[in-house]
Amino acid sequence: MKTLVIANWKMNPQTLAEAKTLFDSIRKGIKNTCPELSRRVEVVICPPFIYLSELKTTDSKLKLGGQDCFWEDKGAFTGEISTKQLKNSGCNFVIIGHSEREKYFSETDEVANKKIKSAIKSKIRPIFCIGDTLEDRKRGNVQQTLTCQIKKGLRGVRQSEVKNLILAYEPVWAIGTGKPCSANEVQKINLCLRKILTKFYSVKISQNMLILYGGSVNSKNARAYITEAGMQGLLIGGASLNAKEFIKIIKEVAGS
């Protein structure tokens, strides 16, 4: 099974020229420094929507993903983008339920559920983000919070459909703070999530589900999340905007 490394560029960079330069630098860096990459790691770039068509590529070493989506295929939904439009723009993946969507746009797990179903229908792999807050930790509610997010976010998603879903654990307090969750703690969360998935689905689904870690990932801690915490990949924000650092992360993961 390949390790999955996803770059979430968020609302960056500011121009198409910069986006192309960053994309090409990553592609060339992988080609020049990671010759065994295609057998070990799958890399996905999630740029702002307006750059997707320009970055569309047939290069099997780099795939594209959307940062969000809407649950309807078409209609009067100003400012939104459908999963079908993402698919037609070259996307194979889409990030759903990111904590920033909840923080700034008041999105709920019920909304994520609609988006996940739409992505599955359009044959795009949903990357369902879940995570706890510092308040959850203080109150000892981490497992309860994650269970609730999975229950609501995957409500009505059948076993035959959920097998293509990717789960991304991103503790809210670690995103963009420079304070990553320790590999030891992530390992505990990994086991916890698989128990939750077994409860809602089956042991087979739990064992085969790709679970990623995200939150202040860098080239110094990346390998530990794979080798020590047992995660199948990483969802990377800020570090993915620096081509050299992102390549270092990929090399660390490919070598693990």
C-alpha atoms as a PDB file:
ATOM      1  CA  MET A   1       0.000   0.000   0.000  1.00  0.00           C
ATOM      2  CA  LYS A   2       1.369   3.412  -1.000  1.00  0.00           C
ATOM      3  CA  THR A   3       1.816   6.215   1.499  1.00  0.00           C
ATOM      4  CA  LEU A   4      -0.378   9.184   0.594  1.00  0.00           C
ATOM      5  CA  VAL A   5       1.025  12.723   0.841  1.00  0.00           C
ATOM      6  CA  ILE A   6      -1.493  15.509   0.238  1.00  0.00           C
ATOM      7  CA  ALA A   7      -0.601  19.184  -0.160  1.00  0.00           C
ATOM      8  CA  ASN A   8      -3.321  21.633   0.874  1.00  0.00           C
ATOM      9  CA  TRP A   9      -2.273  24.995  -0.514  1.00  0.00           C
ATOM     10  CA  LYS A  10      -5.341  26.716   1.007  1.00  0.00           C
ATOM     11  CA  MET A  11      -5.667  30.320  -0.331  1.00  0.00           C
ATOM     12  CA  ASN A  12      -2.137  30.349  -1.753  1.00  0.00           C
ATOM     13  CA  PRO A  13      -0.236  31.390  -3.825  1.00  0.00           C
ATOM     14  CA  GLN A  14      -1.482  34.746  -5.068  1.00  0.00           C
ATOM     15  CA  THR A  15      -0.845  34.393  -8.811  1.00  0.00           C
ATOM     16  CA  LEU A  16      -1.096  31.695 -11.462  1.00  0.00           C
ATOM     17  CA  ALA A  17       2.576  32.177 -12.293  1.00  0.00           C
ATOM     18  CA  GLU A  18       3.529  31.410  -8.695  1.00  0.00           C
ATOM     19  CA  ALA A  19       1.228  28.390  -8.657  1.00  0.00           C
ATOM     20  CA  LYS A  20       2.792  26.996 -11.825  1.00  0.00           C
ATOM     21  CA  THR A  21       6.301  27.589 -10.493  1.00  0.00           C
ATOM     22  CA  LEU A  22       5.528  25.819  -7.220  1.00  0.00           C
ATOM     23  CA  PHE A  23       3.806  22.917  -8.982  1.00  0.00           C
ATOM     24  CA  ASP A  24       6.646  22.470 -11.465  1.00  0.00           C
ATOM     25  CA  SER A  25       9.270  22.717  -8.720  1.00  0.00           C
ATOM     26  CA  ILE A  26       7.553  19.915  -6.817  1.00  0.00           C
ATOM     27  CA  ARG A  27       7.183  17.781  -9.927  1.00  0.00           C
ATOM     28  CA  LYS A  28      10.818  18.251 -10.957  1.00  0.00           C
ATOM     29  CA  GLY A  29      12.011  17.733  -7.397  1.00  0.00           C
ATOM     30  CA  ILE A  30      10.211  14.416  -7.181  1.00  0.00           C
ATOM     31  CA  LYS A  31      11.583  13.311 -10.558  1.00  0.00           C
ATOM     32  CA  ASN A  32      15.161  14.289  -9.709  1.00  0.00           C
ATOM     33  CA  THR A  33      15.437  13.212  -6.082  1.00  0.00           C
ATOM     34  CA  CYS A  34      12.842  10.469  -5.536  1.00  0.00           C
ATOM     35  CA  PRO A  35      13.252   7.908  -8.352  1.00  0.00           C
ATOM     36  CA  GLU A  36      11.474   5.178  -6.367  1.00  0.00           C
ATOM     37  CA  LEU A  37       8.573   7.453  -5.483  1.00  0.00           C
ATOM     38  CA  SER A  38       5.920   5.978  -7.780  1.00  0.00           C
ATOM     39  CA  ARG A  39       6.195   2.608  -6.037  1.00  0.00           C
ATOM     40  CA  ARG A  40       6.096   3.976  -2.499  1.00  0.00           C
ATOM     41  CA  VAL A  41       4.269   7.304  -2.344  1.00  0.00           C
ATOM     42  CA  GLU A  42       1.258   8.915  -3.998  1.00  0.00           C
ATOM     43  CA  VAL A  43       1.364  12.724  -4.077  1.00  0.00           C
ATOM     44  CA  VAL A  44      -1.759  14.884  -4.372  1.00  0.00           C
ATOM     45  CA  ILE A  45      -1.752  18.660  -4.840  1.00  0.00           C
ATOM     46  CA  CYS A  46      -4.860  20.617  -3.748  1.00  0.00           C
ATOM     47  CA  PRO A  47      -4.518  24.162  -5.122  1.00  0.00           C
ATOM     48  CA  PRO A  48      -7.150  26.938  -5.150  1.00  0.00           C
ATOM     49  CA  PHE A  49      -9.963  26.143  -7.612  1.00  0.00           C
ATOM     50  CA  ILE A  50      -8.933  28.832 -10.105  1.00  0.00           C
ATOM     51  CA  TYR A  51      -5.604  27.077 -10.768  1.00  0.00           C
ATOM     52  CA  LEU A  52      -6.928  23.554 -11.317  1.00  0.00           C
ATOM     53  CA  SER A  53      -7.432  23.707 -15.077  1.00  0.00           C
ATOM     54  CA  GLU A  54      -3.961  25.179 -15.574  1.00  0.00           C
ATOM     55  CA  LEU A  55      -2.289  22.543 -13.404  1.00  0.00           C
ATOM     56  CA  LYS A  56      -4.230  19.613 -14.826  1.00  0.00           C
ATOM     57  CA  THR A  57      -1.692  16.944 -15.605  1.00  0.00           C
ATOM     58  CA  THR A  58      -1.484  13.380 -16.819  1.00  0.00           C
ATOM     59  CA  ASP A  59       1.703  12.852 -14.817  1.00  0.00           C
ATOM     60  CA  SER A  60       0.880   9.780 -12.713  1.00  0.00           C
ATOM     61  CA  LYS A  61       3.321  10.932 -10.033  1.00  0.00           C
ATOM     62  CA  LEU A  62       1.221  13.994  -9.219  1.00  0.00           C
ATOM     63  CA  LYS A  63      -2.545  14.015  -8.838  1.00  0.00           C
ATOM     64  CA  LEU A  64      -4.934  16.897  -8.217  1.00  0.00           C
ATOM     65  CA  GLY A  65      -7.513  17.413  -5.509  1.00  0.00           C
ATOM     66  CA  GLY A  66     -10.082  20.033  -4.549  1.00  0.00           C
ATOM     67  CA  GLN A  67     -10.032  21.865  -1.220  1.00  0.00           C
ATOM     68  CA  ASP A  68     -13.807  21.711  -0.824  1.00  0.00           C
ATOM     69  CA  CYS A  69     -17.000  21.042  -2.778  1.00  0.00           C
ATOM     70  CA  PHE A  70     -20.768  21.483  -2.769  1.00  0.00           C
ATOM     71  CA  TRP A  71     -23.246  18.607  -2.564  1.00  0.00           C
ATOM     72  CA  GLU A  72     -25.431  19.477  -5.582  1.00  0.00           C
ATOM     73  CA  ASP A  73     -24.332  18.738  -9.159  1.00  0.00           C
ATOM     74  CA  LYS A  74     -25.427  22.113 -10.544  1.00  0.00           C
ATOM     75  CA  GLY A  75     -27.743  25.039  -9.898  1.00  0.00           C
ATOM     76  CA  ALA A  76     -28.100  28.502  -8.379  1.00  0.00           C
ATOM     77  CA  PHE A  77     -25.415  28.187  -5.705  1.00  0.00           C
ATOM     78  CA  THR A  78     -23.271  31.283  -6.084  1.00  0.00           C
ATOM     79  CA  GLY A  79     -19.599  30.767  -5.340  1.00  0.00           C
ATOM     80  CA  GLU A  80     -19.782  26.980  -5.019  1.00  0.00           C
ATOM     81  CA  ILE A  81     -18.170  24.190  -7.033  1.00  0.00           C
ATOM     82  CA  SER A  82     -19.640  20.724  -7.581  1.00  0.00           C
ATOM     83  CA  THR A  83     -17.853  17.396  -7.359  1.00  0.00           C
ATOM     84  CA  LYS A  84     -18.633  16.835 -11.048  1.00  0.00           C
ATOM     85  CA  GLN A  85     -16.903  20.102 -11.914  1.00  0.00           C
ATOM     86  CA  LEU A  86     -13.906  19.022  -9.837  1.00  0.00           C
ATOM     87  CA  LYS A  87     -13.846  15.676 -11.602  1.00  0.00           C
ATOM     88  CA  ASN A  88     -13.962  17.392 -14.995  1.00  0.00           C
ATOM     89  CA  SER A  89     -11.113  19.677 -13.870  1.00  0.00           C
ATOM     90  CA  GLY A  90      -8.854  16.679 -13.323  1.00  0.00           C
ATOM     91  CA  CYS A  91      -9.393  16.037  -9.612  1.00  0.00           C
ATOM     92  CA  ASN A  92      -9.242  12.556  -8.126  1.00  0.00           C
ATOM     93  CA  PHE A  93      -9.588  13.717  -4.518  1.00  0.00           C
ATOM     94  CA  VAL A  94     -11.400  16.374  -2.491  1.00  0.00           C
ATOM     95  CA  ILE A  95     -10.854  17.611   1.070  1.00  0.00           C
ATOM     96  CA  ILE A  96     -14.071  17.669   3.092  1.00  0.00           C
ATOM     97  CA  GLY A  97     -14.828  18.882   6.610  1.00  0.00           C
ATOM     98  CA  HIS A  98     -11.602  20.793   7.251  1.00  0.00           C
ATOM     99  CA  SER A  99     -11.715  22.597  10.607  1.00  0.00           C
ATOM    100  CA  GLU A 100     -11.215  25.938   8.854  1.00  0.00           C
ATOM    101  CA  ARG A 101     -14.518  25.379   7.058  1.00  0.00           C
ATOM    102  CA  GLU A 102     -16.149  24.935  10.439  1.00  0.00           C
ATOM    103  CA  LYS A 103     -14.316  27.866  12.032  1.00  0.00           C
ATOM    104  CA  TYR A 104     -14.923  30.468   9.329  1.00  0.00           C
ATOM    105  CA  PHE A 105     -18.030  29.187   7.546  1.00  0.00           C
ATOM    106  CA  SER A 106     -19.911  27.385  10.350  1.00  0.00           C
ATOM    107  CA  GLU A 107     -19.961  24.077   8.478  1.00  0.00           C
ATOM    108  CA  THR A 108     -21.234  21.043  10.369  1.00  0.00           C
ATOM    109  CA  ASP A 109     -20.694  17.291  10.224  1.00  0.00           C
ATOM    110  CA  GLU A 110     -24.111  17.040   8.566  1.00  0.00           C
ATOM    111  CA  VAL A 111     -22.882  19.310   5.760  1.00  0.00           C
ATOM    112  CA  ALA A 112     -19.726  17.202   5.434  1.00  0.00           C
ATOM    113  CA  ASN A 113     -21.952  14.139   5.137  1.00  0.00           C
ATOM    114  CA  LYS A 114     -23.744  15.582   2.093  1.00  0.00           C
ATOM    115  CA  LYS A 115     -20.442  16.493   0.475  1.00  0.00           C
ATOM    116  CA  ILE A 116     -18.958  13.051   1.109  1.00  0.00           C
ATOM    117  CA  LYS A 117     -21.934  11.375  -0.563  1.00  0.00           C
ATOM    118  CA  SER A 118     -21.641  13.710  -3.544  1.00  0.00           C
ATOM    119  CA  ALA A 119     -17.916  12.972  -3.907  1.00  0.00           C
ATOM    120  CA  ILE A 120     -18.518   9.228  -3.796  1.00  0.00           C
ATOM    121  CA  LYS A 121     -21.258   9.591  -6.414  1.00  0.00           C
ATOM    122  CA  SER A 122     -18.870  11.507  -8.693  1.00  0.00           C
ATOM    123  CA  LYS A 123     -16.128   8.910  -8.152  1.00  0.00           C
ATOM    124  CA  ILE A 124     -13.818  11.330  -6.345  1.00  0.00           C
ATOM    125  CA  ARG A 125     -12.110  10.098  -3.184  1.00  0.00           C
ATOM    126  CA  PRO A 126     -13.230  12.189  -0.196  1.00  0.00           C
ATOM    127  CA  ILE A 127     -10.598  13.130   2.377  1.00  0.00           C
ATOM    128  CA  PHE A 128     -12.757  13.497   5.480  1.00  0.00           C
ATOM    129  CA  CYS A 129     -11.064  15.684   8.102  1.00  0.00           C
ATOM    130  CA  ILE A 130     -11.787  15.162  11.781  1.00  0.00           C
ATOM    131  CA  GLY A 131     -10.074  16.448  14.907  1.00  0.00           C
ATOM    132  CA  ASP A 132     -10.303  17.500  18.516  1.00  0.00           C
ATOM    133  CA  THR A 133      -9.831  20.883  20.174  1.00  0.00           C
ATOM    134  CA  LEU A 134      -7.802  21.802  23.246  1.00  0.00           C
ATOM    135  CA  GLU A 135     -11.076  22.003  25.153  1.00  0.00           C
ATOM    136  CA  ASP A 136     -11.850  18.399  24.174  1.00  0.00           C
ATOM    137  CA  ARG A 137      -8.453  17.367  25.527  1.00  0.00           C
ATOM    138  CA  LYS A 138      -8.881  19.208  28.793  1.00  0.00           C
ATOM    139  CA  ARG A 139     -12.252  17.564  29.351  1.00  0.00           C
ATOM    140  CA  GLY A 140     -11.107  14.107  28.241  1.00  0.00           C
ATOM    141  CA  ASN A 141     -13.605  14.112  25.365  1.00  0.00           C
ATOM    142  CA  VAL A 142     -11.273  13.314  22.467  1.00  0.00           C
ATOM    143  CA  GLN A 143     -12.661   9.849  21.698  1.00  0.00           C
ATOM    144  CA  GLN A 144     -16.232  11.056  22.138  1.00  0.00           C
ATOM    145  CA  THR A 145     -15.647  13.972  19.754  1.00  0.00           C
ATOM    146  CA  LEU A 146     -14.037  11.809  17.066  1.00  0.00           C
ATOM    147  CA  THR A 147     -16.767   9.180  17.377  1.00  0.00           C
ATOM    148  CA  CYS A 148     -19.449  11.827  16.952  1.00  0.00           C
ATOM    149  CA  GLN A 149     -17.732  13.335  13.903  1.00  0.00           C
ATOM    150  CA  ILE A 150     -17.406   9.951  12.201  1.00  0.00           C
ATOM    151  CA  LYS A 151     -20.975   8.919  13.080  1.00  0.00           C
ATOM    152  CA  LYS A 152     -22.503  12.122  11.682  1.00  0.00           C
ATOM    153  CA  GLY A 153     -20.112  12.565   8.776  1.00  0.00           C
ATOM    154  CA  LEU A 154     -20.538   9.008   7.497  1.00  0.00           C
ATOM    155  CA  ARG A 155     -24.235   8.580   8.251  1.00  0.00           C
ATOM    156  CA  GLY A 156     -25.829   6.623   5.419  1.00  0.00           C
ATOM    157  CA  VAL A 157     -22.512   5.861   3.710  1.00  0.00           C
ATOM    158  CA  ARG A 158     -22.565   2.138   2.947  1.00  0.00           C
ATOM    159  CA  GLN A 159     -19.672  -0.301   3.359  1.00  0.00           C
ATOM    160  CA  SER A 160     -19.324  -0.608  -0.410  1.00  0.00           C
ATOM    161  CA  GLU A 161     -18.937   3.193  -0.617  1.00  0.00           C
ATOM    162  CA  VAL A 162     -16.775   3.937   2.412  1.00  0.00           C
ATOM    163  CA  LYS A 163     -13.898   1.774   1.174  1.00  0.00           C
ATOM    164  CA  ASN A 164     -12.743   4.641  -1.067  1.00  0.00           C
ATOM    165  CA  LEU A 165     -12.895   7.249   1.694  1.00  0.00           C
ATOM    166  CA  ILE A 166      -9.756   8.611   3.344  1.00  0.00           C
ATOM    167  CA  LEU A 167      -9.810   9.748   6.967  1.00  0.00           C
ATOM    168  CA  ALA A 168      -7.539  12.626   8.006  1.00  0.00           C
ATOM    169  CA  TYR A 169      -6.910  13.222  11.704  1.00  0.00           C
ATOM    170  CA  GLU A 170      -6.061  16.889  12.210  1.00  0.00           C
ATOM    171  CA  PRO A 171      -6.137  18.098  15.816  1.00  0.00           C
ATOM    172  CA  VAL A 172      -7.468  21.651  15.576  1.00  0.00           C
ATOM    173  CA  TRP A 173      -4.910  22.937  18.070  1.00  0.00           C
ATOM    174  CA  ALA A 174      -2.007  21.708  15.892  1.00  0.00           C
ATOM    175  CA  ILE A 175      -3.049  23.207  12.541  1.00  0.00           C
ATOM    176  CA  GLY A 176      -0.771  26.098  11.604  1.00  0.00           C
ATOM    177  CA  THR A 177       0.480  26.526  15.160  1.00  0.00           C
ATOM    178  CA  GLY A 178       3.895  24.896  14.882  1.00  0.00           C
ATOM    179  CA  LYS A 179       2.842  22.606  17.750  1.00  0.00           C
ATOM    180  CA  PRO A 180       2.377  19.144  16.213  1.00  0.00           C
ATOM    181  CA  CYS A 181       0.801  16.209  17.984  1.00  0.00           C
ATOM    182  CA  SER A 182       3.462  13.716  19.121  1.00  0.00           C
ATOM    183  CA  ALA A 183       3.870  10.471  17.181  1.00  0.00           C
ATOM    184  CA  ASN A 184       3.057   8.532  20.342  1.00  0.00           C
ATOM    185  CA  GLU A 185      -0.241  10.369  20.770  1.00  0.00           C
ATOM    186  CA  VAL A 186      -1.084  10.004  17.073  1.00  0.00           C
ATOM    187  CA  GLN A 187      -0.500   6.265  17.368  1.00  0.00           C
ATOM    188  CA  LYS A 188      -3.118   6.120  20.149  1.00  0.00           C
ATOM    189  CA  ILE A 189      -5.537   8.114  18.014  1.00  0.00           C
ATOM    190  CA  ASN A 190      -4.881   5.787  15.078  1.00  0.00           C
ATOM    191  CA  LEU A 191      -5.905   2.760  17.165  1.00  0.00           C
ATOM    192  CA  CYS A 192      -8.896   4.663  18.528  1.00  0.00           C
ATOM    193  CA  LEU A 193     -10.133   5.556  15.048  1.00  0.00           C
ATOM    194  CA  ARG A 194      -9.838   1.968  13.851  1.00  0.00           C
ATOM    195  CA  LYS A 195     -11.915   0.788  16.815  1.00  0.00           C
ATOM    196  CA  ILE A 196     -14.567   3.365  15.945  1.00  0.00           C
ATOM    197  CA  LEU A 197     -14.586   2.246  12.309  1.00  0.00           C
ATOM    198  CA  THR A 198     -14.907  -1.387  13.388  1.00  0.00           C
ATOM    199  CA  LYS A 199     -17.916  -0.443  15.504  1.00  0.00           C
ATOM    200  CA  PHE A 200     -19.684   1.383  12.665  1.00  0.00           C
ATOM    201  CA  TYR A 201     -18.555  -0.860   9.806  1.00  0.00           C
ATOM    202  CA  SER A 202     -16.316  -3.926  10.125  1.00  0.00           C
ATOM    203  CA  VAL A 203     -12.814  -5.099  11.001  1.00  0.00           C
ATOM    204  CA  LYS A 204     -11.983  -5.335   7.296  1.00  0.00           C
ATOM    205  CA  ILE A 205     -13.060  -1.748   6.621  1.00  0.00           C
ATOM    206  CA  SER A 206     -11.139  -0.591   9.689  1.00  0.00           C
ATOM    207  CA  GLN A 207      -7.958  -2.357   8.639  1.00  0.00           C
ATOM    208  CA  ASN A 208      -8.077  -1.138   5.029  1.00  0.00           C
ATOM    209  CA  MET A 209      -9.063   2.488   5.677  1.00  0.00           C
ATOM    210  CA  LEU A 210      -6.352   5.009   4.826  1.00  0.00           C
ATOM    211  CA  ILE A 211      -5.858   7.276   7.845  1.00  0.00           C
ATOM    212  CA  LEU A 212      -3.652  10.353   7.545  1.00  0.00           C
ATOM    213  CA  TYR A 213      -2.205  12.828  10.032  1.00  0.00           C
ATOM    214  CA  GLY A 214      -2.182  16.594   9.537  1.00  0.00           C
ATOM    215  CA  GLY A 215      -1.116  19.481  11.768  1.00  0.00           C
ATOM    216  CA  SER A 216       2.272  21.247  11.709  1.00  0.00           C
ATOM    217  CA  VAL A 217       3.949  18.473   9.710  1.00  0.00           C
ATOM    218  CA  ASN A 218       7.544  19.109   8.619  1.00  0.00           C
ATOM    219  CA  SER A 219      10.524  17.167   7.288  1.00  0.00           C
ATOM    220  CA  LYS A 220      11.762  16.491  10.831  1.00  0.00           C
ATOM    221  CA  ASN A 221       8.620  14.784  12.147  1.00  0.00           C
ATOM    222  CA  ALA A 222       7.066  13.365   8.956  1.00  0.00           C
ATOM    223  CA  ARG A 223       8.675   9.928   9.080  1.00  0.00           C
ATOM    224  CA  ALA A 224       7.676   9.317  12.700  1.00  0.00           C
ATOM    225  CA  TYR A 225       3.976   9.625  11.851  1.00  0.00           C
ATOM    226  CA  ILE A 226       4.395   6.774   9.377  1.00  0.00           C
ATOM    227  CA  THR A 227       6.874   4.457  11.111  1.00  0.00           C
ATOM    228  CA  GLU A 228       5.936   5.069  14.754  1.00  0.00           C
ATOM    229  CA  ALA A 229       2.312   6.203  14.657  1.00  0.00           C
ATOM    230  CA  GLY A 230       1.334   3.813  11.858  1.00  0.00           C
ATOM    231  CA  MET A 231      -0.432   6.421   9.718  1.00  0.00           C
ATOM    232  CA  GLN A 232      -0.791   5.756   5.988  1.00  0.00           C
ATOM    233  CA  GLY A 233      -0.085   9.300   4.942  1.00  0.00           C
ATOM    234  CA  LEU A 234       0.028  13.026   5.673  1.00  0.00           C
ATOM    235  CA  LEU A 235      -2.122  16.082   4.958  1.00  0.00           C
ATOM    236  CA  ILE A 236       0.229  19.044   4.761  1.00  0.00           C
ATOM    237  CA  GLY A 237      -0.602  22.754   4.798  1.00  0.00           C
ATOM    238  CA  GLY A 238       2.074  25.428   5.208  1.00  0.00           C
ATOM    239  CA  ALA A 239       5.061  23.171   4.492  1.00  0.00           C
ATOM    240  CA  SER A 240       3.615  22.267   1.081  1.00  0.00           C
ATOM    241  CA  LEU A 241       4.082  25.876  -0.082  1.00  0.00           C
ATOM    242  CA  ASN A 242       7.853  25.476   0.183  1.00  0.00           C
ATOM    243  CA  ALA A 243       8.917  23.137  -2.628  1.00  0.00           C
ATOM    244  CA  LYS A 244      12.247  22.179  -1.015  1.00  0.00           C
ATOM    245  CA  GLU A 245      10.655  21.395   2.348  1.00  0.00           C
ATOM    246  CA  PHE A 246       7.800  19.482   0.729  1.00  0.00           C
ATOM    247  CA  ILE A 247      10.253  17.382  -1.278  1.00  0.00           C
ATOM    248  CA  LYS A 248      12.192  16.646   1.923  1.00  0.00           C
ATOM    249  CA  ILE A 249       8.967  15.425   3.527  1.00  0.00           C
ATOM    250  CA  ILE A 250       8.245  13.176   0.551  1.00  0.00           C
ATOM    251  CA  LYS A 251      11.779  11.767   0.689  1.00  0.00           C
ATOM    252  CA  GLU A 252      11.420  11.076   4.422  1.00  0.00           C
ATOM    253  CA  VAL A 253       8.152   9.260   3.834  1.00  0.00           C
ATOM    254  CA  ALA A 254       9.453   7.368   0.785  1.00  0.00           C
ATOM    255  CA  GLY A 255      12.452   6.204   2.767  1.00  0.00           C
ATOM    256  CA  SER A 256      10.438   5.014   5.750  1.00  0.00           C
END
